[in-house]
């Protein structure tokens, strides 16, 4: 009898061990043992890639000299003369730490006057772009003079869309402005409507012409106020007896 019990116990132990081993093997064959580390890494890389692209686009725009950074002549034609704001922008680029980025971007000349013929438009735009590139490089070389870290400046021409929303003029309801958003002053910003048979008087006196329902409503509110006042007075613990 003792041998039977011993053999049975040994068999049960071996069976349980084999079952647990097979169970773990089957479990790992149906699930991912590296969860959630590999998925966390993949999602973090997706977020970082999107952020890096946005940061790169922002850096390009931050290094861009726009059309409005150049002055116009007396006739309103575009020139290659940098404005004061453009000069400060180039100083900002030169002072970038730890070292300035030597690639500066120039918006192509989209500020040509409308009277330029379409056949001469490409050559005229290229002419202005070339002159503006020379002006930018000349200014950068002057700002970098005497610095210990030389930078080989490169000006690349591109045509990005201006970032932001235009400050469109807000016109009134009775004023017609092309491209403006109407305020609708005669609609939701206008005066409140009046109720027929009910008027609001001014001063301390009552309003004339008030309806009977209004008077009864005021009387009922006054009665409720008196009732509440009496109830509050009766609840006072130190209230004296009423005067005879």
C-alpha atoms as a PDB file:
ATOM      1  CA  UNK A   1       0.000   0.000   0.000  1.00  0.00           C
ATOM      2  CA  UNK A   2       2.857   2.307   0.826  1.00  0.00           C
ATOM      3  CA  UNK A   3       4.462   1.718  -2.573  1.00  0.00           C
ATOM      4  CA  UNK A   4       1.233   2.495  -4.360  1.00  0.00           C
ATOM      5  CA  UNK A   5       0.843   5.813  -2.595  1.00  0.00           C
ATOM      6  CA  UNK A   6       4.465   6.704  -3.250  1.00  0.00           C
ATOM      7  CA  UNK A   7       4.184   5.826  -6.950  1.00  0.00           C
ATOM      8  CA  UNK A   8       0.928   7.703  -7.306  1.00  0.00           C
ATOM      9  CA  UNK A   9       2.361  10.831  -5.660  1.00  0.00           C
ATOM     10  CA  UNK A  10       5.433  10.734  -7.890  1.00  0.00           C
ATOM     11  CA  UNK A  11       3.287  10.325 -10.977  1.00  0.00           C
ATOM     12  CA  UNK A  12       1.089  13.253  -9.997  1.00  0.00           C
ATOM     13  CA  UNK A  13       4.123  15.471  -9.425  1.00  0.00           C
ATOM     14  CA  UNK A  14       5.654  14.544 -12.759  1.00  0.00           C
ATOM     15  CA  UNK A  15       2.345  15.053 -14.526  1.00  0.00           C
ATOM     16  CA  UNK A  16       1.832  18.453 -12.943  1.00  0.00           C
ATOM     17  CA  UNK A  17       5.361  19.498 -13.915  1.00  0.00           C
ATOM     18  CA  UNK A  18       4.921  18.323 -17.493  1.00  0.00           C
ATOM     19  CA  UNK A  19       1.512  20.017 -17.704  1.00  0.00           C
ATOM     20  CA  UNK A  20       2.909  23.297 -16.393  1.00  0.00           C
ATOM     21  CA  UNK A  21       5.810  23.144 -18.867  1.00  0.00           C
ATOM     22  CA  UNK A  22       3.502  22.480 -21.790  1.00  0.00           C
ATOM     23  CA  UNK A  23       1.143  25.171 -20.579  1.00  0.00           C
ATOM     24  CA  UNK A  24       3.907  27.824 -20.480  1.00  0.00           C
ATOM     25  CA  UNK A  25       5.088  26.783 -23.924  1.00  0.00           C
ATOM     26  CA  UNK A  26       1.608  27.075 -25.375  1.00  0.00           C
ATOM     27  CA  UNK A  27       1.077  30.401 -23.612  1.00  0.00           C
ATOM     28  CA  UNK A  28       4.227  31.943 -25.095  1.00  0.00           C
ATOM     29  CA  UNK A  29       3.259  30.642 -28.509  1.00  0.00           C
ATOM     30  CA  UNK A  30      -0.018  32.573 -28.441  1.00  0.00           C
ATOM     31  CA  UNK A  31       1.005  35.849 -26.759  1.00  0.00           C
ATOM     32  CA  UNK A  32       3.813  38.372 -27.134  1.00  0.00           C
ATOM     33  CA  UNK A  33       6.258  37.980 -24.255  1.00  0.00           C
ATOM     34  CA  UNK A  34       7.765  41.423 -25.053  1.00  0.00           C
ATOM     35  CA  UNK A  35       4.502  43.270 -24.464  1.00  0.00           C
ATOM     36  CA  UNK A  36       4.275  46.220 -23.944  1.00  0.00           C
ATOM     37  CA  UNK A  37       7.909  47.294 -24.414  1.00  0.00           C
ATOM     38  CA  UNK A  38       8.105  46.864 -28.175  1.00  0.00           C
ATOM     39  CA  UNK A  39       4.760  48.605 -28.718  1.00  0.00           C
ATOM     40  CA  UNK A  40       5.740  51.470 -26.423  1.00  0.00           C
ATOM     41  CA  UNK A  41       8.915  51.937 -28.460  1.00  0.00           C
ATOM     42  CA  UNK A  42       7.036  51.881 -31.746  1.00  0.00           C
ATOM     43  CA  UNK A  43       4.460  54.436 -30.634  1.00  0.00           C
ATOM     44  CA  UNK A  44       7.150  56.696 -29.165  1.00  0.00           C
ATOM     45  CA  UNK A  45       9.025  56.592 -32.482  1.00  0.00           C
ATOM     46  CA  UNK A  46       5.872  57.608 -34.348  1.00  0.00           C
ATOM     47  CA  UNK A  47       5.386  60.585 -32.045  1.00  0.00           C
ATOM     48  CA  UNK A  48       9.053  61.579 -32.248  1.00  0.00           C
ATOM     49  CA  UNK A  49       9.102  61.347 -36.041  1.00  0.00           C
ATOM     50  CA  UNK A  50       6.069  63.608 -36.337  1.00  0.00           C
ATOM     51  CA  UNK A  51       7.524  66.084 -33.852  1.00  0.00           C
ATOM     52  CA  UNK A  52      10.913  66.092 -35.603  1.00  0.00           C
ATOM     53  CA  UNK A  53       9.267  66.884 -38.934  1.00  0.00           C
ATOM     54  CA  UNK A  54       7.290  69.732 -37.400  1.00  0.00           C
ATOM     55  CA  UNK A  55      10.417  71.069 -35.710  1.00  0.00           C
ATOM     56  CA  UNK A  56      12.347  70.909 -38.998  1.00  0.00           C
ATOM     57  CA  UNK A  57       9.596  72.787 -40.825  1.00  0.00           C
ATOM     58  CA  UNK A  58       9.516  75.406 -38.096  1.00  0.00           C
ATOM     59  CA  UNK A  59      13.287  75.821 -38.241  1.00  0.00           C
ATOM     60  CA  UNK A  60      13.135  76.391 -42.003  1.00  0.00           C
ATOM     61  CA  UNK A  61      10.519  79.111 -41.547  1.00  0.00           C
ATOM     62  CA  UNK A  62      12.564  80.601 -38.714  1.00  0.00           C
ATOM     63  CA  UNK A  63      15.547  80.873 -41.090  1.00  0.00           C
ATOM     64  CA  UNK A  64      13.461  82.421 -43.902  1.00  0.00           C
ATOM     65  CA  UNK A  65      13.719  85.994 -45.170  1.00  0.00           C
ATOM     66  CA  UNK A  66      10.316  86.968 -46.564  1.00  0.00           C
ATOM     67  CA  UNK A  67       9.198  89.371 -49.284  1.00  0.00           C
ATOM     68  CA  UNK A  68       8.128  91.986 -46.760  1.00  0.00           C
ATOM     69  CA  UNK A  69      11.686  92.052 -45.368  1.00  0.00           C
ATOM     70  CA  UNK A  70      12.748  94.156 -48.375  1.00  0.00           C
ATOM     71  CA  UNK A  71      11.920  97.788 -49.029  1.00  0.00           C
ATOM     72  CA  UNK A  72      10.211  99.223 -52.098  1.00  0.00           C
ATOM     73  CA  UNK A  73      11.281 102.176 -54.195  1.00  0.00           C
ATOM     74  CA  UNK A  74       9.333 105.375 -54.722  1.00  0.00           C
ATOM     75  CA  UNK A  75       7.279 103.762 -57.478  1.00  0.00           C
ATOM     76  CA  UNK A  76       6.327 100.770 -55.329  1.00  0.00           C
ATOM     77  CA  UNK A  77       8.602  98.296 -57.098  1.00  0.00           C
ATOM     78  CA  UNK A  78      10.410  95.619 -55.043  1.00  0.00           C
ATOM     79  CA  UNK A  79      14.101  96.114 -54.286  1.00  0.00           C
ATOM     80  CA  UNK A  80      16.963  94.174 -52.686  1.00  0.00           C
ATOM     81  CA  UNK A  81      17.364  96.618 -49.776  1.00  0.00           C
ATOM     82  CA  UNK A  82      16.806  94.910 -46.422  1.00  0.00           C
ATOM     83  CA  UNK A  83      14.506  96.547 -43.912  1.00  0.00           C
ATOM     84  CA  UNK A  84      15.544  97.182 -40.326  1.00  0.00           C
ATOM     85  CA  UNK A  85      13.483  94.191 -39.231  1.00  0.00           C
ATOM     86  CA  UNK A  86      15.259  91.964 -41.743  1.00  0.00           C
ATOM     87  CA  UNK A  87      18.640  93.131 -40.466  1.00  0.00           C
ATOM     88  CA  UNK A  88      17.604  92.246 -36.916  1.00  0.00           C
ATOM     89  CA  UNK A  89      16.446  88.836 -38.137  1.00  0.00           C
ATOM     90  CA  UNK A  90      19.868  88.179 -39.678  1.00  0.00           C
ATOM     91  CA  UNK A  91      21.518  89.203 -36.404  1.00  0.00           C
ATOM     92  CA  UNK A  92      19.271  86.723 -34.620  1.00  0.00           C
ATOM     93  CA  UNK A  93      20.358  83.988 -37.036  1.00  0.00           C
ATOM     94  CA  UNK A  94      24.044  84.849 -36.590  1.00  0.00           C
ATOM     95  CA  UNK A  95      23.779  84.682 -32.780  1.00  0.00           C
ATOM     96  CA  UNK A  96      22.218  81.240 -32.681  1.00  0.00           C
ATOM     97  CA  UNK A  97      23.844  78.836 -30.208  1.00  0.00           C
ATOM     98  CA  UNK A  98      25.911  76.723 -30.119  1.00  0.00           C
ATOM     99  CA  UNK A  99      26.697  77.627 -33.732  1.00  0.00           C
ATOM    100  CA  UNK A 100      24.545  79.347 -36.341  1.00  0.00           C
ATOM    101  CA  UNK A 101      22.920  77.329 -39.078  1.00  0.00           C
ATOM    102  CA  UNK A 102      24.650  78.288 -42.314  1.00  0.00           C
ATOM    103  CA  UNK A 103      21.609  77.561 -44.476  1.00  0.00           C
ATOM    104  CA  UNK A 104      19.348  80.592 -44.846  1.00  0.00           C
ATOM    105  CA  UNK A 105      16.163  80.546 -46.903  1.00  0.00           C
ATOM    106  CA  UNK A 106      14.764  83.283 -49.121  1.00  0.00           C
ATOM    107  CA  UNK A 107      11.167  83.496 -50.240  1.00  0.00           C
ATOM    108  CA  UNK A 108      11.058  83.904 -53.985  1.00  0.00           C
ATOM    109  CA  UNK A 109       9.938  87.305 -55.237  1.00  0.00           C
ATOM    110  CA  UNK A 110       6.153  87.124 -55.242  1.00  0.00           C
ATOM    111  CA  UNK A 111       5.847  90.881 -54.702  1.00  0.00           C
ATOM    112  CA  UNK A 112       6.297  91.903 -58.324  1.00  0.00           C
ATOM    113  CA  UNK A 113       3.948  94.637 -59.514  1.00  0.00           C
ATOM    114  CA  UNK A 114       0.886  93.397 -61.400  1.00  0.00           C
ATOM    115  CA  UNK A 115       1.826  95.318 -64.551  1.00  0.00           C
ATOM    116  CA  UNK A 116       4.745  92.962 -65.260  1.00  0.00           C
ATOM    117  CA  UNK A 117       4.050  90.987 -68.406  1.00  0.00           C
ATOM    118  CA  UNK A 118       3.681  87.264 -67.932  1.00  0.00           C
ATOM    119  CA  UNK A 119       6.443  86.569 -70.470  1.00  0.00           C
ATOM    120  CA  UNK A 120       8.932  88.653 -68.474  1.00  0.00           C
ATOM    121  CA  UNK A 121       7.739  87.442 -65.079  1.00  0.00           C
ATOM    122  CA  UNK A 122      10.170  84.479 -64.611  1.00  0.00           C
ATOM    123  CA  UNK A 123      13.239  86.482 -65.671  1.00  0.00           C
ATOM    124  CA  UNK A 124      12.245  89.464 -63.524  1.00  0.00           C
ATOM    125  CA  UNK A 125      11.642  87.277 -60.485  1.00  0.00           C
ATOM    126  CA  UNK A 126      14.969  85.500 -60.919  1.00  0.00           C
ATOM    127  CA  UNK A 127      16.708  88.858 -61.260  1.00  0.00           C
ATOM    128  CA  UNK A 128      15.254  90.113 -57.969  1.00  0.00           C
ATOM    129  CA  UNK A 129      16.017  86.798 -56.224  1.00  0.00           C
ATOM    130  CA  UNK A 130      19.658  86.973 -57.309  1.00  0.00           C
ATOM    131  CA  UNK A 131      20.007  90.545 -56.085  1.00  0.00           C
ATOM    132  CA  UNK A 132      18.408  89.702 -52.749  1.00  0.00           C
ATOM    133  CA  UNK A 133      20.674  86.678 -52.258  1.00  0.00           C
ATOM    134  CA  UNK A 134      23.710  88.895 -52.765  1.00  0.00           C
ATOM    135  CA  UNK A 135      22.343  91.424 -50.256  1.00  0.00           C
ATOM    136  CA  UNK A 136      21.739  88.732 -47.635  1.00  0.00           C
ATOM    137  CA  UNK A 137      25.189  87.212 -48.046  1.00  0.00           C
ATOM    138  CA  UNK A 138      26.832  90.637 -47.865  1.00  0.00           C
ATOM    139  CA  UNK A 139      24.989  91.483 -44.643  1.00  0.00           C
ATOM    140  CA  UNK A 140      25.775  88.100 -43.062  1.00  0.00           C
ATOM    141  CA  UNK A 141      29.464  88.447 -43.942  1.00  0.00           C
ATOM    142  CA  UNK A 142      29.525  91.862 -42.267  1.00  0.00           C
ATOM    143  CA  UNK A 143      27.874  90.531 -39.112  1.00  0.00           C
ATOM    144  CA  UNK A 144      30.227  87.525 -38.947  1.00  0.00           C
ATOM    145  CA  UNK A 145      33.399  89.585 -39.326  1.00  0.00           C
ATOM    146  CA  UNK A 146      35.828  89.072 -36.431  1.00  0.00           C
ATOM    147  CA  UNK A 147      34.140  85.949 -35.064  1.00  0.00           C
ATOM    148  CA  UNK A 148      36.226  82.918 -34.181  1.00  0.00           C
ATOM    149  CA  UNK A 149      33.908  80.397 -35.838  1.00  0.00           C
ATOM    150  CA  UNK A 150      33.586  80.971 -39.587  1.00  0.00           C
ATOM    151  CA  UNK A 151      30.351  79.909 -41.269  1.00  0.00           C
ATOM    152  CA  UNK A 152      29.875  79.141 -44.957  1.00  0.00           C
ATOM    153  CA  UNK A 153      26.536  80.788 -45.662  1.00  0.00           C
ATOM    154  CA  UNK A 154      24.178  79.336 -48.231  1.00  0.00           C
ATOM    155  CA  UNK A 155      20.970  81.050 -49.323  1.00  0.00           C
ATOM    156  CA  UNK A 156      18.329  78.733 -50.761  1.00  0.00           C
ATOM    157  CA  UNK A 157      15.266  80.073 -52.548  1.00  0.00           C
ATOM    158  CA  UNK A 158      11.900  78.497 -51.778  1.00  0.00           C
ATOM    159  CA  UNK A 159       8.259  79.509 -51.886  1.00  0.00           C
ATOM    160  CA  UNK A 160       6.505  78.698 -48.604  1.00  0.00           C
ATOM    161  CA  UNK A 161       3.066  79.894 -47.660  1.00  0.00           C
ATOM    162  CA  UNK A 162       3.039  82.554 -44.922  1.00  0.00           C
ATOM    163  CA  UNK A 163       2.262  81.022 -41.549  1.00  0.00           C
ATOM    164  CA  UNK A 164      -0.760  82.293 -39.633  1.00  0.00           C
ATOM    165  CA  UNK A 165      -4.204  83.686 -40.337  1.00  0.00           C
ATOM    166  CA  UNK A 166      -4.829  87.081 -41.961  1.00  0.00           C
ATOM    167  CA  UNK A 167      -6.196  89.796 -39.705  1.00  0.00           C
ATOM    168  CA  UNK A 168      -9.361  90.314 -41.720  1.00  0.00           C
ATOM    169  CA  UNK A 169     -11.170  93.550 -41.021  1.00  0.00           C
ATOM    170  CA  UNK A 170     -14.301  93.147 -38.918  1.00  0.00           C
ATOM    171  CA  UNK A 171     -17.096  95.279 -40.364  1.00  0.00           C
ATOM    172  CA  UNK A 172     -20.321  96.345 -38.751  1.00  0.00           C
ATOM    173  CA  UNK A 173     -23.792  95.138 -39.683  1.00  0.00           C
ATOM    174  CA  UNK A 174     -24.540  98.278 -41.708  1.00  0.00           C
ATOM    175  CA  UNK A 175     -21.050  98.627 -43.214  1.00  0.00           C
ATOM    176  CA  UNK A 176     -20.148  96.616 -46.303  1.00  0.00           C
ATOM    177  CA  UNK A 177     -16.424  95.812 -46.395  1.00  0.00           C
ATOM    178  CA  UNK A 178     -15.082  93.410 -48.992  1.00  0.00           C
ATOM    179  CA  UNK A 179     -13.663  90.322 -47.288  1.00  0.00           C
ATOM    180  CA  UNK A 180     -14.911  91.346 -43.831  1.00  0.00           C
ATOM    181  CA  UNK A 181     -16.790  89.230 -41.321  1.00  0.00           C
ATOM    182  CA  UNK A 182     -20.083  91.020 -40.421  1.00  0.00           C
ATOM    183  CA  UNK A 183     -20.786  91.524 -36.735  1.00  0.00           C
ATOM    184  CA  UNK A 184     -24.536  90.996 -37.197  1.00  0.00           C
ATOM    185  CA  UNK A 185     -25.282  93.892 -34.853  1.00  0.00           C
ATOM    186  CA  UNK A 186     -28.937  93.847 -35.869  1.00  0.00           C
ATOM    187  CA  UNK A 187     -29.316  90.216 -34.874  1.00  0.00           C
ATOM    188  CA  UNK A 188     -27.926  88.637 -31.707  1.00  0.00           C
ATOM    189  CA  UNK A 189     -26.087  91.809 -30.644  1.00  0.00           C
ATOM    190  CA  UNK A 190     -29.128  94.054 -31.125  1.00  0.00           C
ATOM    191  CA  UNK A 191     -31.756  95.253 -28.657  1.00  0.00           C
ATOM    192  CA  UNK A 192     -34.002  92.850 -26.791  1.00  0.00           C
ATOM    193  CA  UNK A 193     -37.563  92.412 -27.929  1.00  0.00           C
ATOM    194  CA  UNK A 194     -40.545  93.768 -25.960  1.00  0.00           C
ATOM    195  CA  UNK A 195     -43.533  91.845 -24.604  1.00  0.00           C
ATOM    196  CA  UNK A 196     -47.006  93.046 -25.588  1.00  0.00           C
ATOM    197  CA  UNK A 197     -49.011  94.412 -22.663  1.00  0.00           C
ATOM    198  CA  UNK A 198     -46.055  94.684 -20.290  1.00  0.00           C
ATOM    199  CA  UNK A 199     -43.845  97.715 -19.833  1.00  0.00           C
ATOM    200  CA  UNK A 200     -41.009  98.530 -17.446  1.00  0.00           C
ATOM    201  CA  UNK A 201     -41.182 101.928 -15.798  1.00  0.00           C
ATOM    202  CA  UNK A 202     -38.332 104.153 -14.665  1.00  0.00           C
ATOM    203  CA  UNK A 203     -37.728 105.575 -11.195  1.00  0.00           C
ATOM    204  CA  UNK A 204     -39.392 104.471  -7.951  1.00  0.00           C
ATOM    205  CA  UNK A 205     -42.986 104.545  -9.170  1.00  0.00           C
ATOM    206  CA  UNK A 206     -44.811 101.632 -10.646  1.00  0.00           C
ATOM    207  CA  UNK A 207     -45.225 101.251 -14.378  1.00  0.00           C
ATOM    208  CA  UNK A 208     -48.486 102.334 -15.856  1.00  0.00           C
ATOM    209  CA  UNK A 209     -50.502  99.973 -17.951  1.00  0.00           C
ATOM    210  CA  UNK A 210     -49.270  96.845 -16.206  1.00  0.00           C
ATOM    211  CA  UNK A 211     -51.494  93.812 -16.657  1.00  0.00           C
ATOM    212  CA  UNK A 212     -53.559  92.263 -13.926  1.00  0.00           C
ATOM    213  CA  UNK A 213     -51.437  89.169 -14.050  1.00  0.00           C
ATOM    214  CA  UNK A 214     -48.362  91.259 -13.351  1.00  0.00           C
ATOM    215  CA  UNK A 215     -50.013  92.895 -10.345  1.00  0.00           C
ATOM    216  CA  UNK A 216     -51.208  89.599  -8.940  1.00  0.00           C
ATOM    217  CA  UNK A 217     -47.736  88.131  -9.447  1.00  0.00           C
ATOM    218  CA  UNK A 218     -46.181  91.020  -7.535  1.00  0.00           C
ATOM    219  CA  UNK A 219     -48.757  90.664  -4.752  1.00  0.00           C
ATOM    220  CA  UNK A 220     -48.144  86.942  -4.469  1.00  0.00           C
ATOM    221  CA  UNK A 221     -44.385  87.522  -4.321  1.00  0.00           C
ATOM    222  CA  UNK A 222     -44.919  90.138  -1.590  1.00  0.00           C
ATOM    223  CA  UNK A 223     -47.085  87.705   0.364  1.00  0.00           C
ATOM    224  CA  UNK A 224     -44.480  85.029   0.060  1.00  0.00           C
ATOM    225  CA  UNK A 225     -41.856  87.461   1.313  1.00  0.00           C
ATOM    226  CA  UNK A 226     -43.971  88.397   4.314  1.00  0.00           C
ATOM    227  CA  UNK A 227     -44.650  84.748   5.095  1.00  0.00           C
ATOM    228  CA  UNK A 228     -40.984  83.939   4.947  1.00  0.00           C
ATOM    229  CA  UNK A 229     -40.191  86.913   7.159  1.00  0.00           C
ATOM    230  CA  UNK A 230     -42.731  85.847   9.764  1.00  0.00           C
ATOM    231  CA  UNK A 231     -41.469  82.286   9.676  1.00  0.00           C
ATOM    232  CA  UNK A 232     -37.914  83.417  10.178  1.00  0.00           C
ATOM    233  CA  UNK A 233     -38.997  85.655  13.035  1.00  0.00           C
ATOM    234  CA  UNK A 234     -40.828  82.850  14.806  1.00  0.00           C
ATOM    235  CA  UNK A 235     -37.729  80.698  14.734  1.00  0.00           C
ATOM    236  CA  UNK A 236     -35.618  83.208  16.670  1.00  0.00           C
ATOM    237  CA  UNK A 237     -34.940  81.722  20.147  1.00  0.00           C
ATOM    238  CA  UNK A 238     -34.386  85.050  21.927  1.00  0.00           C
ATOM    239  CA  UNK A 239     -37.353  86.895  20.467  1.00  0.00           C
ATOM    240  CA  UNK A 240     -39.378  88.692  23.139  1.00  0.00           C
ATOM    241  CA  UNK A 241     -43.155  88.596  23.502  1.00  0.00           C
ATOM    242  CA  UNK A 242     -45.153  90.692  21.047  1.00  0.00           C
ATOM    243  CA  UNK A 243     -46.186  94.148  22.159  1.00  0.00           C
ATOM    244  CA  UNK A 244     -49.630  94.339  23.659  1.00  0.00           C
END
